[in-house]
Amino acid sequence: MAQYEKTIQSAFREVADALAARTTLDQQIQAEDALVAAEQSRYGLADVRYRNGVESYLAVLTAQQDLYSAQQHILESRLARLSNVITLYKALGGGWEIETKAPAIANAAPQKDLYRN
């Protein structure tokens, strides 16, 4: 009976942890969306300033590098969010089955080569 209660408490803890992480990740993604938008604007302004002779090309490259970095961070956060969804799904008792059927292509008849006569 004690083992059963321990298992139930563990399941509740896993669900609570996954839900808390979900909220945090959602907030992080929103903040990173705003950062990407700001970096895109910065890059665009730096490019315009360079084309008008006001800014060096180094400023454009730096802005572009910062934009790429911000985009990379938001992709990592989105990946973490998707991983969190899977963790939550598993904690709630979900699962999936892997199909073991052989692909239909293996039994298909070979097709005629169109490039040969």
C-alpha atoms as a PDB file:
ATOM      1  CA  MET A   1       0.000   0.000   0.000  1.00  0.00           C
ATOM      2  CA  ALA A   2       2.871   2.362   0.823  1.00  0.00           C
ATOM      3  CA  GLN A   3       4.479   1.676  -2.560  1.00  0.00           C
ATOM      4  CA  TYR A   4       1.182   2.477  -4.296  1.00  0.00           C
ATOM      5  CA  GLU A   5       0.882   5.801  -2.429  1.00  0.00           C
ATOM      6  CA  LYS A   6       4.484   6.624  -3.289  1.00  0.00           C
ATOM      7  CA  THR A   7       3.806   5.935  -6.972  1.00  0.00           C
ATOM      8  CA  ILE A   8       0.715   8.171  -6.929  1.00  0.00           C
ATOM      9  CA  GLN A   9       2.601  11.005  -5.224  1.00  0.00           C
ATOM     10  CA  SER A  10       5.412  10.663  -7.736  1.00  0.00           C
ATOM     11  CA  ALA A  11       2.939  10.892 -10.631  1.00  0.00           C
ATOM     12  CA  PHE A  12       1.342  14.023  -9.174  1.00  0.00           C
ATOM     13  CA  ARG A  13       4.784  15.576  -8.682  1.00  0.00           C
ATOM     14  CA  GLU A  14       5.765  14.827 -12.297  1.00  0.00           C
ATOM     15  CA  VAL A  15       2.568  16.430 -13.612  1.00  0.00           C
ATOM     16  CA  ALA A  16       3.005  19.493 -11.377  1.00  0.00           C
ATOM     17  CA  ASP A  17       6.642  19.887 -12.467  1.00  0.00           C
ATOM     18  CA  ALA A  18       5.724  19.595 -16.143  1.00  0.00           C
ATOM     19  CA  LEU A  19       2.924  22.157 -15.789  1.00  0.00           C
ATOM     20  CA  ALA A  20       5.214  24.590 -13.966  1.00  0.00           C
ATOM     21  CA  ALA A  21       7.889  24.184 -16.646  1.00  0.00           C
ATOM     22  CA  ARG A  22       5.253  24.746 -19.324  1.00  0.00           C
ATOM     23  CA  THR A  23       4.299  28.117 -17.871  1.00  0.00           C
ATOM     24  CA  THR A  24       7.918  29.166 -17.580  1.00  0.00           C
ATOM     25  CA  LEU A  25       8.688  28.084 -21.137  1.00  0.00           C
ATOM     26  CA  ASP A  26       5.662  29.940 -22.500  1.00  0.00           C
ATOM     27  CA  GLN A  27       6.844  33.146 -20.813  1.00  0.00           C
ATOM     28  CA  GLN A  28      10.386  32.595 -22.074  1.00  0.00           C
ATOM     29  CA  ILE A  29       9.167  32.101 -25.647  1.00  0.00           C
ATOM     30  CA  GLN A  30       7.118  35.301 -25.493  1.00  0.00           C
ATOM     31  CA  ALA A  31      10.161  37.243 -24.284  1.00  0.00           C
ATOM     32  CA  GLU A  32      12.354  35.714 -26.972  1.00  0.00           C
ATOM     33  CA  ASP A  33       9.769  36.555 -29.651  1.00  0.00           C
ATOM     34  CA  ALA A  34      10.036  40.188 -28.594  1.00  0.00           C
ATOM     35  CA  LEU A  35      13.836  39.950 -28.649  1.00  0.00           C
ATOM     36  CA  VAL A  36      13.842  38.497 -32.180  1.00  0.00           C
ATOM     37  CA  ALA A  37      11.558  41.298 -33.367  1.00  0.00           C
ATOM     38  CA  ALA A  38      13.860  43.892 -31.793  1.00  0.00           C
ATOM     39  CA  GLU A  39      16.953  42.291 -33.328  1.00  0.00           C
ATOM     40  CA  GLN A  40      15.286  42.198 -36.763  1.00  0.00           C
ATOM     41  CA  SER A  41      14.521  45.879 -36.448  1.00  0.00           C
ATOM     42  CA  ARG A  42      18.074  46.605 -35.327  1.00  0.00           C
ATOM     43  CA  TYR A  43      19.497  44.659 -38.243  1.00  0.00           C
ATOM     44  CA  GLY A  44      17.242  46.478 -40.714  1.00  0.00           C
ATOM     45  CA  LEU A  45      18.241  49.859 -39.315  1.00  0.00           C
ATOM     46  CA  ALA A  46      21.927  48.985 -39.356  1.00  0.00           C
ATOM     47  CA  ASP A  47      21.622  47.881 -42.991  1.00  0.00           C
ATOM     48  CA  VAL A  48      19.858  51.116 -43.989  1.00  0.00           C
ATOM     49  CA  ARG A  49      22.449  53.178 -42.137  1.00  0.00           C
ATOM     50  CA  TYR A  50      25.262  51.274 -43.886  1.00  0.00           C
ATOM     51  CA  ARG A  51      23.693  51.780 -47.325  1.00  0.00           C
ATOM     52  CA  ASN A  52      23.447  55.521 -46.619  1.00  0.00           C
ATOM     53  CA  GLY A  53      27.091  55.705 -45.534  1.00  0.00           C
ATOM     54  CA  VAL A  54      26.405  56.445 -41.876  1.00  0.00           C
ATOM     55  CA  GLU A  55      27.413  53.085 -40.387  1.00  0.00           C
ATOM     56  CA  SER A  56      30.271  50.668 -40.948  1.00  0.00           C
ATOM     57  CA  TYR A  57      29.579  47.200 -42.282  1.00  0.00           C
ATOM     58  CA  LEU A  58      30.865  45.783 -39.004  1.00  0.00           C
ATOM     59  CA  ALA A  59      27.742  47.150 -37.289  1.00  0.00           C
ATOM     60  CA  VAL A  60      25.570  45.357 -39.871  1.00  0.00           C
ATOM     61  CA  LEU A  61      27.422  42.086 -39.325  1.00  0.00           C
ATOM     62  CA  THR A  62      27.190  42.436 -35.553  1.00  0.00           C
ATOM     63  CA  ALA A  63      23.445  43.101 -35.759  1.00  0.00           C
ATOM     64  CA  GLN A  64      23.029  40.114 -38.084  1.00  0.00           C
ATOM     65  CA  GLN A  65      24.999  37.872 -35.740  1.00  0.00           C
ATOM     66  CA  ASP A  66      22.873  38.990 -32.782  1.00  0.00           C
ATOM     67  CA  LEU A  67      19.707  38.325 -34.800  1.00  0.00           C
ATOM     68  CA  TYR A  68      20.855  34.811 -35.678  1.00  0.00           C
ATOM     69  CA  SER A  69      21.727  34.183 -32.026  1.00  0.00           C
ATOM     70  CA  ALA A  70      18.269  35.327 -30.895  1.00  0.00           C
ATOM     71  CA  GLN A  71      16.640  33.118 -33.539  1.00  0.00           C
ATOM     72  CA  GLN A  72      18.711  30.145 -32.369  1.00  0.00           C
ATOM     73  CA  HIS A  73      17.676  30.720 -28.750  1.00  0.00           C
ATOM     74  CA  ILE A  74      13.989  30.851 -29.612  1.00  0.00           C
ATOM     75  CA  LEU A  75      14.290  27.624 -31.610  1.00  0.00           C
ATOM     76  CA  GLU A  76      15.922  25.951 -28.614  1.00  0.00           C
ATOM     77  CA  SER A  77      13.130  27.224 -26.358  1.00  0.00           C
ATOM     78  CA  ARG A  78      10.466  25.948 -28.753  1.00  0.00           C
ATOM     79  CA  LEU A  79      12.190  22.561 -28.788  1.00  0.00           C
ATOM     80  CA  ALA A  80      12.214  22.549 -24.989  1.00  0.00           C
ATOM     81  CA  ARG A  81       8.504  23.424 -25.036  1.00  0.00           C
ATOM     82  CA  LEU A  82       7.719  20.511 -27.344  1.00  0.00           C
ATOM     83  CA  SER A  83       9.799  18.206 -25.172  1.00  0.00           C
ATOM     84  CA  ASN A  84       7.834  19.467 -22.174  1.00  0.00           C
ATOM     85  CA  VAL A  85       4.552  18.631 -23.918  1.00  0.00           C
ATOM     86  CA  ILE A  86       5.790  15.074 -24.427  1.00  0.00           C
ATOM     87  CA  THR A  87       6.865  14.845 -20.787  1.00  0.00           C
ATOM     88  CA  LEU A  88       3.467  16.084 -19.639  1.00  0.00           C
ATOM     89  CA  TYR A  89       1.702  13.637 -21.946  1.00  0.00           C
ATOM     90  CA  LYS A  90       3.724  10.753 -20.516  1.00  0.00           C
ATOM     91  CA  ALA A  91       3.174  11.928 -16.926  1.00  0.00           C
ATOM     92  CA  LEU A  92      -0.568  11.954 -17.529  1.00  0.00           C
ATOM     93  CA  GLY A  93      -0.385   8.317 -18.623  1.00  0.00           C
ATOM     94  CA  GLY A  94      -0.207   8.770 -22.373  1.00  0.00           C
ATOM     95  CA  GLY A  95       1.840   6.632 -24.650  1.00  0.00           C
ATOM     96  CA  TRP A  96       2.147   5.650 -28.241  1.00  0.00           C
ATOM     97  CA  GLU A  97       2.393   2.487 -30.220  1.00  0.00           C
ATOM     98  CA  ILE A  98       4.942   1.843 -32.916  1.00  0.00           C
ATOM     99  CA  GLU A  99       3.547   0.288 -36.067  1.00  0.00           C
ATOM    100  CA  THR A 100       5.321  -2.890 -37.063  1.00  0.00           C
ATOM    101  CA  LYS A 101       3.718  -3.283 -40.476  1.00  0.00           C
ATOM    102  CA  ALA A 102       6.117  -3.669 -43.374  1.00  0.00           C
ATOM    103  CA  PRO A 103       6.037  -0.791 -45.830  1.00  0.00           C
ATOM    104  CA  ALA A 104       3.935  -1.347 -48.949  1.00  0.00           C
ATOM    105  CA  ILE A 105       6.856  -0.296 -51.121  1.00  0.00           C
ATOM    106  CA  ALA A 106       8.738  -3.503 -50.342  1.00  0.00           C
ATOM    107  CA  ASN A 107       6.018  -5.598 -52.007  1.00  0.00           C
ATOM    108  CA  ALA A 108       5.468  -3.300 -54.976  1.00  0.00           C
ATOM    109  CA  ALA A 109       6.428  -4.446 -58.465  1.00  0.00           C
ATOM    110  CA  PRO A 110       9.522  -2.782 -59.932  1.00  0.00           C
ATOM    111  CA  GLN A 111       8.725   0.153 -62.181  1.00  0.00           C
ATOM    112  CA  LYS A 112       9.961   0.485 -65.736  1.00  0.00           C
ATOM    113  CA  ASP A 113      12.990   2.730 -66.132  1.00  0.00           C
ATOM    114  CA  LEU A 114      11.849   5.730 -68.176  1.00  0.00           C
ATOM    115  CA  TYR A 115      15.355   6.582 -69.346  1.00  0.00           C
ATOM    116  CA  ARG A 116      16.047   3.255 -71.010  1.00  0.00           C
ATOM    117  CA  ASN A 117      14.373   1.834 -74.100  1.00  0.00           C
END
